[in-house]
Amino acid sequence: MNAASARAKPRTSAVLFDLGGVLIDWNPRHLYRGLFGEDRDGMEEFLATVCTPAWNLEQDRGRPFSEGIALLCRRFPQHREMITAFRERWEEMVAGDIPDNVALLRRITDAGRGAFAITDWSAETFPLVRRRFPFLDLFDGIVVSGEEGFLKPSAEIFGVARTRFGLDPATTTFVDDSRENYHGARRLGYDAIHYKNPVQLREELAARGWPVGDPGDG
């Protein structure tokens, strides 16, 4: 089912996945471990004080990477090479998909159940993962924060997903590895799962009646 048909009538039930940390293994440490070598403390300090999660979220909100990189280079000129690597070598931050969870998604969609995604992701870099991971085509629709100008867990971005895809929060299972997003979704009336690992996710989806197969399935 495509996004247009999803808008045509409300879903009686659907699952709404986060992507990074749930289905895609994105982490800046995948890149910076190689750049910092044995200096792990230096890497952690850099990610905590220079290319911080809060700074990166502004790209996820829609700020162009060129602006974000220029801002940090002015503030931390001694780290210019490390800062520019965040964008120039961004794809090295993506280790791959999370196979067990992709398999769960595939079983859900093979059963004809509604599956959507809502992700905090830059509009500049999301096309890179779209090309890299064909499983993203399994979704009936994906809301990308960088394209909408809102971040999770705002009511605005959840509202985009709700109206665009005809979702009913009371019958939509939301999955996210962020505790803040989990609680935000619950406040908006979603049945939410705070993702920790593939086994826990399978068990919680199975308990809700989602067709996720048996633990030993490939």
Foldseek 3Di string as FASTA:
>chain_A
DALVVLLVAAALAEEEEEFDPQWWPFDCCLVVCVVCPPPVVVVVVCQVPQVDPVLVLVLLLADDLVVSLVVRCVVCVVCNVVSVCCPVVVVSRTPGTDVLSLLQLVQLVVVVHAYEYEYSDHPVCPVVVVVVDVSNVSHNYYHGNNVVSDDPPDPVSVVCVCNSRNYDQQRYEYEECDPRRQVSSVVVNHNYDNDDDSVVVLVVCVVVPRRRDDPPDD
